[in-house]
Amino acid sequence: MTDYKEIDIFDPKYLYPSEVREEKPQTKSELRQQYQKAAKERSDKRKVNHIRATDTYVQSIENELVNARVYLSVKNLKEDFNEFTNKYKVNKNGKEDDKEKK
């Protein structure tokens, strides 16, 4: 746990946090690993966004979700929907609820 008495509140990094930068890697290999990690993350994001944007099944599910949300908000059924989901939800341990069996 941090001992707050030891923190210098007049330290410039606390007074001007926008000027504080992350520590830069010391060696070339650390810098190279950081660049490779960032490039891998960008590549993964591009692939996921491309699949999401071009997959017709994903687009249809997104449209269905938007339409359902709009319908619930227009008809003021939010409370009824929440009661329904709470009544028939699956428990975290994977067992069926007793209400579903009746």
N, C-alpha and C. Protein backbone atom coordinates (compact mmCIF):
# COMPACT_ATOMS: atom_id res chain seq x y z
N MET A 1 0.83 -1.18 0.00
CA MET A 1 0.00 0.00 0.00
C MET A 1 0.88 1.25 0.00
N THR A 2 0.45 2.26 -0.67
CA THR A 2 1.22 3.48 -0.78
C THR A 2 1.12 4.30 0.50
N ASP A 3 2.27 4.74 0.97
CA ASP A 3 2.29 5.63 2.12
C ASP A 3 2.21 7.06 1.57
N TYR A 4 1.08 7.70 1.79
CA TYR A 4 0.85 9.01 1.20
C TYR A 4 1.70 10.12 1.82
N LYS A 5 2.28 9.85 2.97
CA LYS A 5 3.14 10.85 3.61
C LYS A 5 4.45 11.01 2.85
N GLU A 6 4.84 9.97 2.12
CA GLU A 6 6.10 10.01 1.39
C GLU A 6 5.98 10.68 0.02
N ILE A 7 4.77 10.94 -0.44
CA ILE A 7 4.57 11.55 -1.75
C ILE A 7 4.79 13.06 -1.64
N ASP A 8 5.63 13.56 -2.53
CA ASP A 8 5.89 14.99 -2.59
C ASP A 8 4.84 15.63 -3.49
N ILE A 9 3.89 16.35 -2.91
CA ILE A 9 2.79 16.90 -3.70
C ILE A 9 3.23 18.05 -4.59
N PHE A 10 4.43 18.58 -4.35
CA PHE A 10 4.93 19.66 -5.18
C PHE A 10 5.87 19.16 -6.26
N ASP A 11 5.93 17.87 -6.45
CA ASP A 11 6.73 17.28 -7.52
C ASP A 11 6.10 17.67 -8.86
N PRO A 12 6.89 18.10 -9.85
CA PRO A 12 6.32 18.54 -11.12
C PRO A 12 5.45 17.49 -11.83
N LYS A 13 5.73 16.22 -11.60
CA LYS A 13 4.91 15.21 -12.28
C LYS A 13 3.50 15.16 -11.72
N TYR A 14 3.30 15.64 -10.49
CA TYR A 14 1.95 15.71 -9.94
C TYR A 14 1.29 17.05 -10.24
N LEU A 15 2.10 18.11 -10.36
CA LEU A 15 1.56 19.42 -10.67
C LEU A 15 1.18 19.55 -12.15
N TYR A 16 2.00 18.96 -13.02
CA TYR A 16 1.78 19.06 -14.46
C TYR A 16 1.76 17.66 -15.06
N PRO A 17 0.70 16.89 -14.85
CA PRO A 17 0.71 15.50 -15.33
C PRO A 17 0.72 15.37 -16.84
N SER A 18 0.31 16.41 -17.57
CA SER A 18 0.32 16.30 -19.03
C SER A 18 1.74 16.31 -19.59
N GLU A 19 2.69 16.82 -18.81
CA GLU A 19 4.07 16.87 -19.27
C GLU A 19 4.84 15.60 -18.92
N VAL A 20 4.25 14.74 -18.12
CA VAL A 20 4.91 13.51 -17.72
C VAL A 20 4.82 12.51 -18.86
N ARG A 21 5.91 11.96 -19.20
CA ARG A 21 5.96 10.96 -20.27
C ARG A 21 6.27 9.61 -19.67
N GLU A 22 5.89 8.56 -20.40
CA GLU A 22 6.25 7.22 -19.97
C GLU A 22 7.75 7.04 -20.12
N GLU A 23 8.27 6.12 -19.33
CA GLU A 23 9.70 5.86 -19.43
C GLU A 23 10.01 5.22 -20.77
N LYS A 24 11.05 5.71 -21.39
CA LYS A 24 11.47 5.16 -22.67
C LYS A 24 12.33 3.93 -22.45
N PRO A 25 12.25 2.98 -23.35
CA PRO A 25 13.11 1.79 -23.22
C PRO A 25 14.58 2.18 -23.28
N GLN A 26 15.38 1.47 -22.50
CA GLN A 26 16.79 1.80 -22.39
C GLN A 26 17.62 1.22 -23.53
N THR A 27 17.26 0.02 -23.98
CA THR A 27 18.08 -0.63 -24.99
C THR A 27 17.33 -0.71 -26.31
N LYS A 28 18.07 -0.98 -27.35
CA LYS A 28 17.47 -1.12 -28.68
C LYS A 28 16.52 -2.31 -28.75
N SER A 29 16.87 -3.40 -28.05
CA SER A 29 16.01 -4.58 -28.10
C SER A 29 14.67 -4.31 -27.41
N GLU A 30 14.69 -3.56 -26.30
CA GLU A 30 13.43 -3.21 -25.64
C GLU A 30 12.59 -2.31 -26.53
N LEU A 31 13.23 -1.37 -27.20
CA LEU A 31 12.53 -0.48 -28.11
C LEU A 31 11.94 -1.26 -29.28
N ARG A 32 12.71 -2.19 -29.82
CA ARG A 32 12.24 -3.03 -30.92
C ARG A 32 11.03 -3.86 -30.48
N GLN A 33 11.08 -4.43 -29.27
CA GLN A 33 9.95 -5.22 -28.77
C GLN A 33 8.71 -4.35 -28.59
N GLN A 34 8.92 -3.13 -28.13
CA GLN A 34 7.79 -2.22 -27.96
C GLN A 34 7.15 -1.89 -29.32
N TYR A 35 7.97 -1.62 -30.32
CA TYR A 35 7.45 -1.34 -31.65
C TYR A 35 6.74 -2.55 -32.25
N GLN A 36 7.31 -3.73 -32.06
CA GLN A 36 6.67 -4.94 -32.58
C GLN A 36 5.32 -5.19 -31.91
N LYS A 37 5.26 -4.96 -30.62
CA LYS A 37 4.00 -5.13 -29.89
C LYS A 37 2.94 -4.15 -30.40
N ALA A 38 3.32 -2.90 -30.58
CA ALA A 38 2.39 -1.89 -31.08
C ALA A 38 1.93 -2.23 -32.50
N ALA A 39 2.84 -2.69 -33.34
CA ALA A 39 2.48 -3.08 -34.70
C ALA A 39 1.53 -4.27 -34.70
N LYS A 40 1.75 -5.24 -33.83
CA LYS A 40 0.88 -6.41 -33.73
C LYS A 40 -0.52 -6.00 -33.28
N GLU A 41 -0.61 -5.09 -32.31
CA GLU A 41 -1.91 -4.61 -31.84
C GLU A 41 -2.65 -3.88 -32.95
N ARG A 42 -1.94 -3.03 -33.71
CA ARG A 42 -2.59 -2.32 -34.83
C ARG A 42 -3.07 -3.30 -35.88
N SER A 43 -2.27 -4.31 -36.17
CA SER A 43 -2.65 -5.32 -37.16
C SER A 43 -3.89 -6.08 -36.71
N ASP A 44 -3.92 -6.48 -35.46
CA ASP A 44 -5.08 -7.20 -34.94
C ASP A 44 -6.34 -6.34 -35.00
N LYS A 45 -6.21 -5.06 -34.63
CA LYS A 45 -7.37 -4.17 -34.68
C LYS A 45 -7.87 -4.01 -36.11
N ARG A 46 -6.95 -3.87 -37.07
CA ARG A 46 -7.36 -3.74 -38.47
C ARG A 46 -8.10 -4.98 -38.94
N LYS A 47 -7.58 -6.17 -38.58
CA LYS A 47 -8.23 -7.42 -38.99
C LYS A 47 -9.62 -7.54 -38.40
N VAL A 48 -9.76 -7.24 -37.11
CA VAL A 48 -11.06 -7.34 -36.45
C VAL A 48 -12.04 -6.34 -37.05
N ASN A 49 -11.60 -5.11 -37.26
CA ASN A 49 -12.48 -4.10 -37.83
C ASN A 49 -12.88 -4.45 -39.26
N HIS A 50 -11.96 -5.04 -40.02
CA HIS A 50 -12.28 -5.44 -41.39
C HIS A 50 -13.32 -6.55 -41.39
N ILE A 51 -13.14 -7.54 -40.53
CA ILE A 51 -14.12 -8.62 -40.44
C ILE A 51 -15.47 -8.07 -40.00
N ARG A 52 -15.46 -7.22 -39.03
CA ARG A 52 -16.70 -6.65 -38.50
C ARG A 52 -17.42 -5.83 -39.57
N ALA A 53 -16.67 -5.08 -40.34
CA ALA A 53 -17.29 -4.19 -41.32
C ALA A 53 -17.78 -4.96 -42.55
N THR A 54 -17.15 -6.08 -42.89
CA THR A 54 -17.51 -6.76 -44.13
C THR A 54 -18.40 -7.97 -43.93
N ASP A 55 -18.48 -8.51 -42.73
CA ASP A 55 -19.26 -9.71 -42.51
C ASP A 55 -20.74 -9.36 -42.46
N THR A 56 -21.52 -9.94 -43.36
CA THR A 56 -22.96 -9.63 -43.43
C THR A 56 -23.70 -10.16 -42.22
N TYR A 57 -23.25 -11.28 -41.67
CA TYR A 57 -23.91 -11.83 -40.48
C TYR A 57 -23.75 -10.88 -39.30
N VAL A 58 -22.54 -10.34 -39.13
CA VAL A 58 -22.30 -9.40 -38.03
C VAL A 58 -23.13 -8.13 -38.24
N GLN A 59 -23.20 -7.66 -39.46
CA GLN A 59 -24.00 -6.48 -39.75
C GLN A 59 -25.47 -6.71 -39.47
N SER A 60 -25.98 -7.90 -39.82
CA SER A 60 -27.39 -8.18 -39.56
C SER A 60 -27.68 -8.26 -38.07
N ILE A 61 -26.75 -8.84 -37.31
CA ILE A 61 -26.95 -8.90 -35.85
C ILE A 61 -26.91 -7.50 -35.25
N GLU A 62 -26.00 -6.66 -35.72
CA GLU A 62 -25.93 -5.28 -35.22
C GLU A 62 -27.23 -4.54 -35.53
N ASN A 63 -27.74 -4.70 -36.75
CA ASN A 63 -29.00 -4.05 -37.11
C ASN A 63 -30.15 -4.57 -36.25
N GLU A 64 -30.17 -5.87 -36.00
CA GLU A 64 -31.22 -6.45 -35.17
C GLU A 64 -31.16 -5.89 -33.75
N LEU A 65 -29.97 -5.77 -33.22
CA LEU A 65 -29.80 -5.22 -31.88
C LEU A 65 -30.25 -3.77 -31.82
N VAL A 66 -29.87 -2.98 -32.81
CA VAL A 66 -30.28 -1.58 -32.84
C VAL A 66 -31.80 -1.48 -32.93
N ASN A 67 -32.40 -2.29 -33.79
CA ASN A 67 -33.86 -2.26 -33.92
C ASN A 67 -34.55 -2.67 -32.63
N ALA A 68 -34.02 -3.68 -31.95
CA ALA A 68 -34.61 -4.11 -30.68
C ALA A 68 -34.50 -3.02 -29.63
N ARG A 69 -33.36 -2.37 -29.55
CA ARG A 69 -33.18 -1.28 -28.58
C ARG A 69 -34.13 -0.11 -28.89
N VAL A 70 -34.26 0.22 -30.15
CA VAL A 70 -35.17 1.31 -30.54
C VAL A 70 -36.61 0.93 -30.17
N TYR A 71 -37.01 -0.28 -30.47
CA TYR A 71 -38.37 -0.73 -30.15
C TYR A 71 -38.63 -0.66 -28.64
N LEU A 72 -37.65 -1.13 -27.85
CA LEU A 72 -37.83 -1.09 -26.40
C LEU A 72 -37.94 0.34 -25.88
N SER A 73 -37.15 1.23 -26.43
CA SER A 73 -37.20 2.61 -25.95
C SER A 73 -38.45 3.34 -26.42
N VAL A 74 -38.92 3.06 -27.63
CA VAL A 74 -40.12 3.73 -28.15
C VAL A 74 -41.37 3.25 -27.41
N LYS A 75 -41.45 1.96 -27.15
CA LYS A 75 -42.63 1.39 -26.49
C LYS A 75 -42.54 1.46 -24.96
N ASN A 76 -41.46 2.04 -24.42
CA ASN A 76 -41.24 2.15 -22.98
C ASN A 76 -41.32 0.78 -22.31
N LEU A 77 -40.63 -0.20 -22.86
CA LEU A 77 -40.65 -1.56 -22.34
C LEU A 77 -39.36 -1.92 -21.61
N LYS A 78 -38.56 -0.95 -21.28
CA LYS A 78 -37.27 -1.23 -20.66
C LYS A 78 -37.44 -1.98 -19.33
N GLU A 79 -38.41 -1.54 -18.50
CA GLU A 79 -38.61 -2.20 -17.21
C GLU A 79 -39.11 -3.63 -17.42
N ASP A 80 -40.04 -3.82 -18.35
CA ASP A 80 -40.55 -5.17 -18.63
C ASP A 80 -39.43 -6.08 -19.14
N PHE A 81 -38.58 -5.55 -19.99
CA PHE A 81 -37.47 -6.34 -20.53
C PHE A 81 -36.50 -6.73 -19.42
N ASN A 82 -36.20 -5.79 -18.53
CA ASN A 82 -35.29 -6.09 -17.41
C ASN A 82 -35.89 -7.14 -16.49
N GLU A 83 -37.20 -7.06 -16.21
CA GLU A 83 -37.85 -8.08 -15.37
C GLU A 83 -37.78 -9.44 -16.05
N PHE A 84 -38.00 -9.49 -17.35
CA PHE A 84 -37.95 -10.74 -18.09
C PHE A 84 -36.56 -11.36 -18.04
N THR A 85 -35.54 -10.55 -18.28
CA THR A 85 -34.18 -11.08 -18.28
C THR A 85 -33.76 -11.53 -16.88
N ASN A 86 -34.20 -10.82 -15.86
CA ASN A 86 -33.87 -11.23 -14.50
C ASN A 86 -34.60 -12.52 -14.12
N LYS A 87 -35.79 -12.71 -14.63
CA LYS A 87 -36.57 -13.89 -14.28
C LYS A 87 -36.03 -15.14 -14.97
N TYR A 88 -35.59 -15.03 -16.22
CA TYR A 88 -35.20 -16.19 -17.00
C TYR A 88 -33.70 -16.26 -17.31
N LYS A 89 -32.90 -15.58 -16.54
CA LYS A 89 -31.47 -15.61 -16.82
C LYS A 89 -30.85 -16.93 -16.37
N VAL A 90 -29.73 -17.29 -16.99
CA VAL A 90 -29.00 -18.49 -16.62
C VAL A 90 -28.06 -18.14 -15.48
N ASN A 91 -28.03 -18.97 -14.47
CA ASN A 91 -27.16 -18.72 -13.33
C ASN A 91 -25.70 -18.83 -13.74
N LYS A 92 -24.82 -18.22 -12.97
CA LYS A 92 -23.40 -18.22 -13.29
C LYS A 92 -22.79 -19.61 -13.21
N ASN A 93 -23.36 -20.47 -12.38
CA ASN A 93 -22.80 -21.81 -12.26
C ASN A 93 -23.31 -22.75 -13.35
N GLY A 94 -24.14 -22.24 -14.25
CA GLY A 94 -24.58 -23.03 -15.40
C GLY A 94 -25.83 -23.85 -15.16
N LYS A 95 -26.39 -23.80 -13.97
CA LYS A 95 -27.60 -24.56 -13.70
C LYS A 95 -28.82 -23.76 -14.12
N GLU A 96 -29.87 -24.48 -14.47
CA GLU A 96 -31.10 -23.80 -14.87
C GLU A 96 -31.79 -23.25 -13.64
N ASP A 97 -32.52 -22.20 -13.84
CA ASP A 97 -33.27 -21.59 -12.76
C ASP A 97 -34.52 -22.42 -12.50
N ASP A 98 -34.99 -22.46 -11.26
CA ASP A 98 -36.19 -23.22 -10.94
C ASP A 98 -37.42 -22.66 -11.63
N LYS A 99 -37.41 -21.36 -11.92
CA LYS A 99 -38.56 -20.73 -12.58
C LYS A 99 -38.72 -21.24 -14.01
N GLU A 100 -37.62 -21.59 -14.65
CA GLU A 100 -37.68 -22.07 -16.03
C GLU A 100 -38.32 -23.43 -16.13
N LYS A 101 -38.17 -24.27 -15.10
CA LYS A 101 -38.70 -25.62 -15.15
C LYS A 101 -40.21 -25.67 -14.99
N LYS A 102 -40.77 -24.69 -14.31
CA LYS A 102 -42.22 -24.68 -14.06
C LYS A 102 -43.03 -24.27 -15.24
